[in-house]
Amino acid sequence: MKLRPHLVGYDCSHLVHAVYKQAGFRYKYATTGQLYSGTDEFRRVTDPQPGDLVVFPDRGKNGHVGIMVNPAQGLFFSGLNHGPSVSSYLSPYWRARGYPHFLRYVR
């Protein structure tokens, strides 16, 4: 999978789109804000499962999106300025960003 660096326009939403595409899940590219607001390809769920999206709101900063890895521990995979990593949305850093929406691919 070939990815473009963040500095030339590649961000977390592009990473998620590329991973889903590689896994065979096709959807029209959507920004983090569009995903948070809702799209036809995803529905909001309250019981996140591995592979679901974790989408943080835009609170004066850019929103953020990742892919759920371990719901019990709040672990999700995403790309930040330092490259792809696994984080917990239960950590103080992510809790300060607001409670995320969990989205499941439905198409």
PDB file of N, CA and C in Angstrom:
ATOM      1  N   MET A   1       0.854  -1.162   0.000  1.00  0.00           N
ATOM      2  CA  MET A   1       0.000   0.000   0.000  1.00  0.00           C
ATOM      3  C   MET A   1       0.903   1.228   0.000  1.00  0.00           C
ATOM      4  N   LYS A   2       0.774   2.074  -0.980  1.00  0.00           N
ATOM      5  CA  LYS A   2       1.588   3.274  -1.085  1.00  0.00           C
ATOM      6  C   LYS A   2       0.834   4.449  -0.465  1.00  0.00           C
ATOM      7  N   LEU A   3       1.483   5.135   0.479  1.00  0.00           N
ATOM      8  CA  LEU A   3       0.855   6.249   1.179  1.00  0.00           C
ATOM      9  C   LEU A   3       1.649   7.525   0.965  1.00  0.00           C
ATOM     10  N   ARG A   4       0.944   8.637   0.886  1.00  0.00           N
ATOM     11  CA  ARG A   4       1.614   9.926   0.743  1.00  0.00           C
ATOM     12  C   ARG A   4       1.877  10.520   2.129  1.00  0.00           C
ATOM     13  N   PRO A   5       2.994  11.202   2.332  1.00  0.00           N
ATOM     14  CA  PRO A   5       3.288  11.808   3.626  1.00  0.00           C
ATOM     15  C   PRO A   5       2.288  12.900   3.981  1.00  0.00           C
ATOM     16  N   HIS A   6       2.076  13.085   5.282  1.00  0.00           N
ATOM     17  CA  HIS A   6       1.154  14.096   5.804  1.00  0.00           C
ATOM     18  C   HIS A   6       1.493  15.495   5.286  1.00  0.00           C
ATOM     19  N   LEU A   7       2.746  15.784   5.129  1.00  0.00           N
ATOM     20  CA  LEU A   7       3.154  17.133   4.739  1.00  0.00           C
ATOM     21  C   LEU A   7       2.703  17.521   3.341  1.00  0.00           C
ATOM     22  N   VAL A   8       2.326  16.569   2.519  1.00  0.00           N
ATOM     23  CA  VAL A   8       1.847  16.911   1.178  1.00  0.00           C
ATOM     24  C   VAL A   8       0.363  16.582   1.023  1.00  0.00           C
ATOM     25  N   GLY A   9      -0.385  16.630   2.106  1.00  0.00           N
ATOM     26  CA  GLY A   9      -1.819  16.484   2.028  1.00  0.00           C
ATOM     27  C   GLY A   9      -2.397  15.156   2.474  1.00  0.00           C
ATOM     28  N   TYR A  10      -1.575  14.282   3.006  1.00  0.00           N
ATOM     29  CA  TYR A  10      -2.057  12.988   3.477  1.00  0.00           C
ATOM     30  C   TYR A  10      -2.330  13.097   4.964  1.00  0.00           C
ATOM     31  N   ASP A  11      -3.533  12.753   5.396  1.00  0.00           N
ATOM     32  CA  ASP A  11      -3.848  12.839   6.820  1.00  0.00           C
ATOM     33  C   ASP A  11      -4.532  11.557   7.291  1.00  0.00           C
ATOM     34  N   CYS A  12      -5.062  11.583   8.513  1.00  0.00           N
ATOM     35  CA  CYS A  12      -5.664  10.392   9.111  1.00  0.00           C
ATOM     36  C   CYS A  12      -6.825   9.844   8.286  1.00  0.00           C
ATOM     37  N   SER A  13      -7.619  10.716   7.686  1.00  0.00           N
ATOM     38  CA  SER A  13      -8.756  10.239   6.888  1.00  0.00           C
ATOM     39  C   SER A  13      -8.285   9.533   5.617  1.00  0.00           C
ATOM     40  N   HIS A  14      -7.172   9.981   5.058  1.00  0.00           N
ATOM     41  CA  HIS A  14      -6.597   9.293   3.894  1.00  0.00           C
ATOM     42  C   HIS A  14      -6.059   7.914   4.292  1.00  0.00           C
ATOM     43  N   LEU A  15      -5.419   7.832   5.452  1.00  0.00           N
ATOM     44  CA  LEU A  15      -4.899   6.550   5.932  1.00  0.00           C
ATOM     45  C   LEU A  15      -6.038   5.551   6.113  1.00  0.00           C
ATOM     46  N   VAL A  16      -7.108   5.971   6.776  1.00  0.00           N
ATOM     47  CA  VAL A  16      -8.257   5.093   6.989  1.00  0.00           C
ATOM     48  C   VAL A  16      -8.845   4.652   5.650  1.00  0.00           C
ATOM     49  N   HIS A  17      -8.997   5.585   4.731  1.00  0.00           N
ATOM     50  CA  HIS A  17      -9.545   5.257   3.412  1.00  0.00           C
ATOM     51  C   HIS A  17      -8.661   4.231   2.703  1.00  0.00           C
ATOM     52  N   ALA A  18      -7.339   4.407   2.758  1.00  0.00           N
ATOM     53  CA  ALA A  18      -6.402   3.483   2.108  1.00  0.00           C
ATOM     54  C   ALA A  18      -6.466   2.091   2.736  1.00  0.00           C
ATOM     55  N   VAL A  19      -6.549   2.015   4.061  1.00  0.00           N
ATOM     56  CA  VAL A  19      -6.626   0.719   4.739  1.00  0.00           C
ATOM     57  C   VAL A  19      -7.928   0.008   4.374  1.00  0.00           C
ATOM     58  N   TYR A  20      -9.036   0.725   4.424  1.00  0.00           N
ATOM     59  CA  TYR A  20     -10.320   0.120   4.058  1.00  0.00           C
ATOM     60  C   TYR A  20     -10.305  -0.353   2.603  1.00  0.00           C
ATOM     61  N   LYS A  21      -9.763   0.465   1.715  1.00  0.00           N
ATOM     62  CA  LYS A  21      -9.696   0.102   0.293  1.00  0.00           C
ATOM     63  C   LYS A  21      -8.861  -1.163   0.105  1.00  0.00           C
ATOM     64  N   GLN A  22      -7.721  -1.230   0.780  1.00  0.00           N
ATOM     65  CA  GLN A  22      -6.839  -2.399   0.693  1.00  0.00           C
ATOM     66  C   GLN A  22      -7.555  -3.655   1.195  1.00  0.00           C
ATOM     67  N   ALA A  23      -8.433  -3.480   2.190  1.00  0.00           N
ATOM     68  CA  ALA A  23      -9.175  -4.612   2.755  1.00  0.00           C
ATOM     69  C   ALA A  23     -10.415  -4.974   1.931  1.00  0.00           C
ATOM     70  N   GLY A  24     -10.687  -4.206   0.863  1.00  0.00           N
ATOM     71  CA  GLY A  24     -11.811  -4.519  -0.006  1.00  0.00           C
ATOM     72  C   GLY A  24     -13.094  -3.775   0.305  1.00  0.00           C
ATOM     73  N   PHE A  25     -13.046  -2.833   1.240  1.00  0.00           N
ATOM     74  CA  PHE A  25     -14.219  -2.027   1.578  1.00  0.00           C
ATOM     75  C   PHE A  25     -14.137  -0.720   0.806  1.00  0.00           C
ATOM     76  N   ARG A  26     -15.015  -0.562  -0.149  1.00  0.00           N
ATOM     77  CA  ARG A  26     -14.982   0.608  -1.029  1.00  0.00           C
ATOM     78  C   ARG A  26     -15.972   1.665  -0.552  1.00  0.00           C
ATOM     79  N   TYR A  27     -15.472   2.871  -0.387  1.00  0.00           N
ATOM     80  CA  TYR A  27     -16.353   4.005  -0.126  1.00  0.00           C
ATOM     81  C   TYR A  27     -15.704   5.252  -0.691  1.00  0.00           C
ATOM     82  N   LYS A  28     -16.529   6.213  -1.040  1.00  0.00           N
ATOM     83  CA  LYS A  28     -16.026   7.479  -1.555  1.00  0.00           C
ATOM     84  C   LYS A  28     -15.259   8.172  -0.432  1.00  0.00           C
ATOM     85  N   TYR A  29     -14.051   8.660  -0.748  1.00  0.00           N
ATOM     86  CA  TYR A  29     -13.248   9.336   0.270  1.00  0.00           C
ATOM     87  C   TYR A  29     -14.083  10.392   0.988  1.00  0.00           C
ATOM     88  N   ALA A  30     -13.942  10.455   2.298  1.00  0.00           N
ATOM     89  CA  ALA A  30     -14.634  11.449   3.116  1.00  0.00           C
ATOM     90  C   ALA A  30     -13.656  12.015   4.130  1.00  0.00           C
ATOM     91  N   THR A  31     -13.741  13.311   4.379  1.00  0.00           N
ATOM     92  CA  THR A  31     -12.905  13.942   5.396  1.00  0.00           C
ATOM     93  C   THR A  31     -13.374  13.497   6.776  1.00  0.00           C
ATOM     94  N   THR A  32     -12.571  13.786   7.782  1.00  0.00           N
ATOM     95  CA  THR A  32     -12.952  13.457   9.149  1.00  0.00           C
ATOM     96  C   THR A  32     -14.262  14.145   9.518  1.00  0.00           C
ATOM     97  N   GLY A  33     -14.409  15.409   9.151  1.00  0.00           N
ATOM     98  CA  GLY A  33     -15.641  16.138   9.444  1.00  0.00           C
ATOM     99  C   GLY A  33     -16.852  15.513   8.782  1.00  0.00           C
ATOM    100  N   GLN A  34     -16.694  15.078   7.539  1.00  0.00           N
ATOM    101  CA  GLN A  34     -17.795  14.418   6.837  1.00  0.00           C
ATOM    102  C   GLN A  34     -18.149  13.093   7.506  1.00  0.00           C
ATOM    103  N   LEU A  35     -17.141  12.332   7.910  1.00  0.00           N
ATOM    104  CA  LEU A  35     -17.402  11.072   8.600  1.00  0.00           C
ATOM    105  C   LEU A  35     -18.124  11.324   9.919  1.00  0.00           C
ATOM    106  N   TYR A  36     -17.683  12.324  10.682  1.00  0.00           N
ATOM    107  CA  TYR A  36     -18.300  12.623  11.978  1.00  0.00           C
ATOM    108  C   TYR A  36     -19.763  13.023  11.798  1.00  0.00           C
ATOM    109  N   SER A  37     -20.053  13.767  10.735  1.00  0.00           N
ATOM    110  CA  SER A  37     -21.428  14.211  10.468  1.00  0.00           C
ATOM    111  C   SER A  37     -22.305  13.086   9.930  1.00  0.00           C
ATOM    112  N   GLY A  38     -21.682  12.090   9.311  1.00  0.00           N
ATOM    113  CA  GLY A  38     -22.420  10.941   8.795  1.00  0.00           C
ATOM    114  C   GLY A  38     -22.331  10.821   7.285  1.00  0.00           C
ATOM    115  N   THR A  39     -22.181   9.590   6.814  1.00  0.00           N
ATOM    116  CA  THR A  39     -22.159   9.295   5.378  1.00  0.00           C
ATOM    117  C   THR A  39     -23.058   8.086   5.127  1.00  0.00           C
ATOM    118  N   ASP A  40     -23.377   7.856   3.868  1.00  0.00           N
ATOM    119  CA  ASP A  40     -24.231   6.717   3.509  1.00  0.00           C
ATOM    120  C   ASP A  40     -23.551   5.373   3.751  1.00  0.00           C
ATOM    121  N   GLU A  41     -22.234   5.347   3.702  1.00  0.00           N
ATOM    122  CA  GLU A  41     -21.503   4.080   3.816  1.00  0.00           C
ATOM    123  C   GLU A  41     -21.280   3.617   5.254  1.00  0.00           C
ATOM    124  N   PHE A  42     -21.485   4.487   6.218  1.00  0.00           N
ATOM    125  CA  PHE A  42     -21.242   4.146   7.622  1.00  0.00           C
ATOM    126  C   PHE A  42     -22.463   4.489   8.465  1.00  0.00           C
ATOM    127  N   ARG A  43     -22.697   3.681   9.508  1.00  0.00           N
ATOM    128  CA  ARG A  43     -23.749   4.037  10.461  1.00  0.00           C
ATOM    129  C   ARG A  43     -23.128   4.116  11.850  1.00  0.00           C
ATOM    130  N   ARG A  44     -23.687   4.988  12.651  1.00  0.00           N
ATOM    131  CA  ARG A  44     -23.179   5.176  14.007  1.00  0.00           C
ATOM    132  C   ARG A  44     -23.611   3.995  14.875  1.00  0.00           C
ATOM    133  N   VAL A  45     -22.684   3.506  15.699  1.00  0.00           N
ATOM    134  CA  VAL A  45     -22.962   2.396  16.612  1.00  0.00           C
ATOM    135  C   VAL A  45     -22.489   2.773  18.009  1.00  0.00           C
ATOM    136  N   THR A  46     -23.022   2.077  19.013  1.00  0.00           N
ATOM    137  CA  THR A  46     -22.607   2.323  20.393  1.00  0.00           C
ATOM    138  C   THR A  46     -21.774   1.179  20.948  1.00  0.00           C
ATOM    139  N   ASP A  47     -21.641   0.112  20.176  1.00  0.00           N
ATOM    140  CA  ASP A  47     -20.877  -1.065  20.597  1.00  0.00           C
ATOM    141  C   ASP A  47     -19.721  -1.303  19.623  1.00  0.00           C
ATOM    142  N   PRO A  48     -18.680  -0.472  19.680  1.00  0.00           N
ATOM    143  CA  PRO A  48     -17.612  -0.585  18.688  1.00  0.00           C
ATOM    144  C   PRO A  48     -16.979  -1.974  18.671  1.00  0.00           C
ATOM    145  N   GLN A  49     -16.651  -2.406  17.452  1.00  0.00           N
ATOM    146  CA  GLN A  49     -15.996  -3.687  17.219  1.00  0.00           C
ATOM    147  C   GLN A  49     -14.691  -3.422  16.466  1.00  0.00           C
ATOM    148  N   PRO A  50     -13.745  -4.370  16.506  1.00  0.00           N
ATOM    149  CA  PRO A  50     -12.527  -4.186  15.717  1.00  0.00           C
ATOM    150  C   PRO A  50     -12.878  -3.909  14.252  1.00  0.00           C
ATOM    151  N   GLY A  51     -12.224  -2.913  13.682  1.00  0.00           N
ATOM    152  CA  GLY A  51     -12.477  -2.525  12.300  1.00  0.00           C
ATOM    153  C   GLY A  51     -13.414  -1.343  12.150  1.00  0.00           C
ATOM    154  N   ASP A  52     -14.196  -1.028  13.183  1.00  0.00           N
ATOM    155  CA  ASP A  52     -15.063   0.151  13.133  1.00  0.00           C
ATOM    156  C   ASP A  52     -14.206   1.412  13.169  1.00  0.00           C
ATOM    157  N   LEU A  53     -14.790   2.515  12.727  1.00  0.00           N
ATOM    158  CA  LEU A  53     -14.085   3.793  12.786  1.00  0.00           C
ATOM    159  C   LEU A  53     -14.315   4.464  14.129  1.00  0.00           C
ATOM    160  N   VAL A  54     -13.292   5.167  14.598  1.00  0.00           N
ATOM    161  CA  VAL A  54     -13.348   6.007  15.788  1.00  0.00           C
ATOM    162  C   VAL A  54     -13.139   7.425  15.272  1.00  0.00           C
ATOM    163  N   VAL A  55     -14.162   8.289  15.392  1.00  0.00           N
ATOM    164  CA  VAL A  55     -14.094   9.621  14.796  1.00  0.00           C
ATOM    165  C   VAL A  55     -14.283  10.675  15.883  1.00  0.00           C
ATOM    166  N   PHE A  56     -13.267  11.516  16.048  1.00  0.00           N
ATOM    167  CA  PHE A  56     -13.306  12.579  17.050  1.00  0.00           C
ATOM    168  C   PHE A  56     -13.818  13.872  16.436  1.00  0.00           C
ATOM    169  N   PRO A  57     -14.548  14.660  17.223  1.00  0.00           N
ATOM    170  CA  PRO A  57     -15.098  15.915  16.709  1.00  0.00           C
ATOM    171  C   PRO A  57     -14.023  16.963  16.482  1.00  0.00           C
ATOM    172  N   ASP A  58     -14.373  17.953  15.696  1.00  0.00           N
ATOM    173  CA  ASP A  58     -13.517  19.113  15.462  1.00  0.00           C
ATOM    174  C   ASP A  58     -13.837  20.125  16.550  1.00  0.00           C
ATOM    175  N   ARG A  59     -12.919  20.328  17.474  1.00  0.00           N
ATOM    176  CA  ARG A  59     -13.128  21.287  18.569  1.00  0.00           C
ATOM    177  C   ARG A  59     -12.062  22.370  18.505  1.00  0.00           C
ATOM    178  N   GLY A  60     -12.115  23.162  17.460  1.00  0.00           N
ATOM    179  CA  GLY A  60     -11.124  24.208  17.288  1.00  0.00           C
ATOM    180  C   GLY A  60      -9.841  23.696  16.663  1.00  0.00           C
ATOM    181  N   LYS A  61      -9.694  22.388  16.619  1.00  0.00           N
ATOM    182  CA  LYS A  61      -8.570  21.737  15.944  1.00  0.00           C
ATOM    183  C   LYS A  61      -9.197  20.879  14.860  1.00  0.00           C
ATOM    184  N   ASN A  62      -8.381  20.232  14.089  1.00  0.00           N
ATOM    185  CA  ASN A  62      -8.933  19.265  13.141  1.00  0.00           C
ATOM    186  C   ASN A  62      -9.491  18.086  13.916  1.00  0.00           C
ATOM    187  N   GLY A  63     -10.555  17.487  13.402  1.00  0.00           N
ATOM    188  CA  GLY A  63     -11.038  16.252  13.989  1.00  0.00           C
ATOM    189  C   GLY A  63     -10.012  15.155  13.728  1.00  0.00           C
ATOM    190  N   HIS A  64     -10.347  13.940  14.112  1.00  0.00           N
ATOM    191  CA  HIS A  64      -9.409  12.837  13.914  1.00  0.00           C
ATOM    192  C   HIS A  64     -10.194  11.550  13.715  1.00  0.00           C
ATOM    193  N   VAL A  65      -9.652  10.645  12.908  1.00  0.00           N
ATOM    194  CA  VAL A  65     -10.290   9.355  12.670  1.00  0.00           C
ATOM    195  C   VAL A  65      -9.249   8.247  12.723  1.00  0.00           C
ATOM    196  N   GLY A  66      -9.668   7.106  13.260  1.00  0.00           N
ATOM    197  CA  GLY A  66      -8.823   5.925  13.307  1.00  0.00           C
ATOM    198  C   GLY A  66      -9.681   4.679  13.175  1.00  0.00           C
ATOM    199  N   ILE A  67      -9.049   3.526  13.261  1.00  0.00           N
ATOM    200  CA  ILE A  67      -9.732   2.241  13.125  1.00  0.00           C
ATOM    201  C   ILE A  67      -9.611   1.480  14.443  1.00  0.00           C
ATOM    202  N   MET A  68     -10.752   1.050  14.978  1.00  0.00           N
ATOM    203  CA  MET A  68     -10.787   0.352  16.258  1.00  0.00           C
ATOM    204  C   MET A  68      -9.999  -0.954  16.177  1.00  0.00           C
ATOM    205  N   VAL A  69      -9.153  -1.177  17.182  1.00  0.00           N
ATOM    206  CA  VAL A  69      -8.357  -2.396  17.278  1.00  0.00           C
ATOM    207  C   VAL A  69      -8.875  -3.267  18.420  1.00  0.00           C
ATOM    208  N   ASN A  70      -9.009  -2.676  19.612  1.00  0.00           N
ATOM    209  CA  ASN A  70      -9.440  -3.409  20.801  1.00  0.00           C
ATOM    210  C   ASN A  70     -10.424  -2.540  21.578  1.00  0.00           C
ATOM    211  N   PRO A  71     -11.721  -2.755  21.406  1.00  0.00           N
ATOM    212  CA  PRO A  71     -12.714  -1.914  22.071  1.00  0.00           C
ATOM    213  C   PRO A  71     -12.622  -1.945  23.597  1.00  0.00           C
ATOM    214  N   ALA A  72     -12.310  -3.095  24.188  1.00  0.00           N
ATOM    215  CA  ALA A  72     -12.253  -3.209  25.645  1.00  0.00           C
ATOM    216  C   ALA A  72     -11.202  -2.276  26.242  1.00  0.00           C
ATOM    217  N   GLN A  73     -10.125  -2.040  25.515  1.00  0.00           N
ATOM    218  CA  GLN A  73      -9.064  -1.152  25.985  1.00  0.00           C
ATOM    219  C   GLN A  73      -9.108   0.208  25.310  1.00  0.00           C
ATOM    220  N   GLY A  74     -10.064   0.415  24.429  1.00  0.00           N
ATOM    221  CA  GLY A  74     -10.181   1.691  23.720  1.00  0.00           C
ATOM    222  C   GLY A  74      -9.076   1.911  22.702  1.00  0.00           C
ATOM    223  N   LEU A  75      -8.433   0.847  22.255  1.00  0.00           N
ATOM    224  CA  LEU A  75      -7.296   0.988  21.342  1.00  0.00           C
ATOM    225  C   LEU A  75      -7.744   1.151  19.896  1.00  0.00           C
ATOM    226  N   PHE A  76      -7.133   2.115  19.228  1.00  0.00           N
ATOM    227  CA  PHE A  76      -7.419   2.335  17.813  1.00  0.00           C
ATOM    228  C   PHE A  76      -6.135   2.663  17.075  1.00  0.00           C
ATOM    229  N   PHE A  77      -6.126   2.345  15.782  1.00  0.00           N
ATOM    230  CA  PHE A  77      -4.992   2.576  14.888  1.00  0.00           C
ATOM    231  C   PHE A  77      -5.276   3.836  14.091  1.00  0.00           C
ATOM    232  N   SER A  78      -4.274   4.709  14.002  1.00  0.00           N
ATOM    233  CA  SER A  78      -4.453   5.921  13.196  1.00  0.00           C
ATOM    234  C   SER A  78      -3.094   6.474  12.807  1.00  0.00           C
ATOM    235  N   GLY A  79      -3.131   7.501  12.004  1.00  0.00           N
ATOM    236  CA  GLY A  79      -1.905   8.166  11.590  1.00  0.00           C
ATOM    237  C   GLY A  79      -1.881   9.581  12.123  1.00  0.00           C
ATOM    238  N   LEU A  80      -0.809   9.919  12.783  1.00  0.00           N
ATOM    239  CA  LEU A  80      -0.594  11.281  13.256  1.00  0.00           C
ATOM    240  C   LEU A  80       0.636  11.822  12.556  1.00  0.00           C
ATOM    241  N   ASN A  81       1.121  12.957  13.001  1.00  0.00           N
ATOM    242  CA  ASN A  81       2.285  13.582  12.375  1.00  0.00           C
ATOM    243  C   ASN A  81       3.522  12.691  12.387  1.00  0.00           C
ATOM    244  N   HIS A  82       3.578  11.747  13.323  1.00  0.00           N
ATOM    245  CA  HIS A  82       4.758  10.893  13.453  1.00  0.00           C
ATOM    246  C   HIS A  82       4.553   9.526  12.818  1.00  0.00           C
ATOM    247  N   GLY A  83       3.505   9.362  12.030  1.00  0.00           N
ATOM    248  CA  GLY A  83       3.244   8.099  11.360  1.00  0.00           C
ATOM    249  C   GLY A  83       2.182   7.277  12.062  1.00  0.00           C
ATOM    250  N   PRO A  84       1.826   6.146  11.475  1.00  0.00           N
ATOM    251  CA  PRO A  84       0.786   5.294  12.042  1.00  0.00           C
ATOM    252  C   PRO A  84       1.161   4.784  13.426  1.00  0.00           C
ATOM    253  N   SER A  85       0.151   4.696  14.301  1.00  0.00           N
ATOM    254  CA  SER A  85       0.383   4.219  15.657  1.00  0.00           C
ATOM    255  C   SER A  85      -0.926   3.711  16.250  1.00  0.00           C
ATOM    256  N   VAL A  86      -0.821   3.057  17.400  1.00  0.00           N
ATOM    257  CA  VAL A  86      -1.987   2.606  18.153  1.00  0.00           C
ATOM    258  C   VAL A  86      -2.061   3.436  19.421  1.00  0.00           C
ATOM    259  N   SER A  87      -3.245   3.977  19.703  1.00  0.00           N
ATOM    260  CA  SER A  87      -3.484   4.816  20.878  1.00  0.00           C
ATOM    261  C   SER A  87      -4.771   4.362  21.552  1.00  0.00           C
ATOM    262  N   SER A  88      -5.020   4.875  22.755  1.00  0.00           N
ATOM    263  CA  SER A  88      -6.275   4.604  23.450  1.00  0.00           C
ATOM    264  C   SER A  88      -7.109   5.876  23.512  1.00  0.00           C
ATOM    265  N   TYR A  89      -8.357   5.795  23.072  1.00  0.00           N
ATOM    266  CA  TYR A  89      -9.221   6.973  23.170  1.00  0.00           C
ATOM    267  C   TYR A  89      -9.619   7.240  24.620  1.00  0.00           C
ATOM    268  N   LEU A  90      -9.234   6.364  25.542  1.00  0.00           N
ATOM    269  CA  LEU A  90      -9.480   6.571  26.965  1.00  0.00           C
ATOM    270  C   LEU A  90      -8.364   7.370  27.633  1.00  0.00           C
ATOM    271  N   SER A  91      -7.275   7.629  26.917  1.00  0.00           N
ATOM    272  CA  SER A  91      -6.145   8.377  27.481  1.00  0.00           C
ATOM    273  C   SER A  91      -6.539   9.841  27.688  1.00  0.00           C
ATOM    274  N   PRO A  92      -5.853  10.547  28.599  1.00  0.00           N
ATOM    275  CA  PRO A  92      -6.163  11.962  28.829  1.00  0.00           C
ATOM    276  C   PRO A  92      -6.091  12.806  27.555  1.00  0.00           C
ATOM    277  N   TYR A  93      -5.119  12.527  26.683  1.00  0.00           N
ATOM    278  CA  TYR A  93      -4.990  13.305  25.450  1.00  0.00           C
ATOM    279  C   TYR A  93      -6.254  13.208  24.611  1.00  0.00           C
ATOM    280  N   TRP A  94      -6.712  11.975  24.373  1.00  0.00           N
ATOM    281  CA  TRP A  94      -7.889  11.799  23.513  1.00  0.00           C
ATOM    282  C   TRP A  94      -9.176  12.175  24.221  1.00  0.00           C
ATOM    283  N   ARG A  95      -9.259  11.981  25.531  1.00  0.00           N
ATOM    284  CA  ARG A  95     -10.465  12.394  26.264  1.00  0.00           C
ATOM    285  C   ARG A  95     -10.668  13.896  26.159  1.00  0.00           C
ATOM    286  N   ALA A  96      -9.567  14.644  26.125  1.00  0.00           N
ATOM    287  CA  ALA A  96      -9.657  16.105  25.998  1.00  0.00           C
ATOM    288  C   ALA A  96     -10.196  16.514  24.625  1.00  0.00           C
ATOM    289  N   ARG A  97     -10.117  15.632  23.651  1.00  0.00           N
ATOM    290  CA  ARG A  97     -10.610  15.927  22.297  1.00  0.00           C
ATOM    291  C   ARG A  97     -12.118  15.726  22.171  1.00  0.00           C
ATOM    292  N   GLY A  98     -12.754  15.182  23.191  1.00  0.00           N
ATOM    293  CA  GLY A  98     -14.192  14.932  23.140  1.00  0.00           C
ATOM    294  C   GLY A  98     -14.487  13.463  22.909  1.00  0.00           C
ATOM    295  N   TYR A  99     -15.719  13.076  23.179  1.00  0.00           N
ATOM    296  CA  TYR A  99     -16.100  11.675  23.018  1.00  0.00           C
ATOM    297  C   TYR A  99     -16.293  11.367  21.541  1.00  0.00           C
ATOM    298  N   PRO A 100     -15.686  10.299  21.058  1.00  0.00           N
ATOM    299  CA  PRO A 100     -15.768   9.997  19.626  1.00  0.00           C
ATOM    300  C   PRO A 100     -17.093   9.352  19.233  1.00  0.00           C
ATOM    301  N   HIS A 101     -17.393   9.434  17.950  1.00  0.00           N
ATOM    302  CA  HIS A 101     -18.447   8.617  17.352  1.00  0.00           C
ATOM    303  C   HIS A 101     -17.796   7.320  16.892  1.00  0.00           C
ATOM    304  N   PHE A 102     -18.542   6.240  16.951  1.00  0.00           N
ATOM    305  CA  PHE A 102     -18.087   4.954  16.425  1.00  0.00           C
ATOM    306  C   PHE A 102     -18.945   4.642  15.207  1.00  0.00           C
ATOM    307  N   LEU A 103     -18.294   4.346  14.099  1.00  0.00           N
ATOM    308  CA  LEU A 103     -19.000   4.119  12.842  1.00  0.00           C
ATOM    309  C   LEU A 103     -18.675   2.746  12.275  1.00  0.00           C
ATOM    310  N   ARG A 104     -19.704   2.084  11.750  1.00  0.00           N
ATOM    311  CA  ARG A 104     -19.532   0.764  11.144  1.00  0.00           C
ATOM    312  C   ARG A 104     -19.855   0.849   9.658  1.00  0.00           C
ATOM    313  N   TYR A 105     -19.011   0.228   8.860  1.00  0.00           N
ATOM    314  CA  TYR A 105     -19.214   0.178   7.415  1.00  0.00           C
ATOM    315  C   TYR A 105     -20.455  -0.664   7.118  1.00  0.00           C
ATOM    316  N   VAL A 106     -21.355  -0.151   6.273  1.00  0.00           N
ATOM    317  CA  VAL A 106     -22.606  -0.867   6.005  1.00  0.00           C
ATOM    318  C   VAL A 106     -22.827  -1.185   4.534  1.00  0.00           C
ATOM    319  N   ARG A 107     -21.935  -0.815   3.649  1.00  0.00           N
ATOM    320  CA  ARG A 107     -22.125  -1.101   2.219  1.00  0.00           C
ATOM    321  C   ARG A 107     -21.188  -2.172   1.763  1.00  0.00           C
TER     322      ARG A 107
END
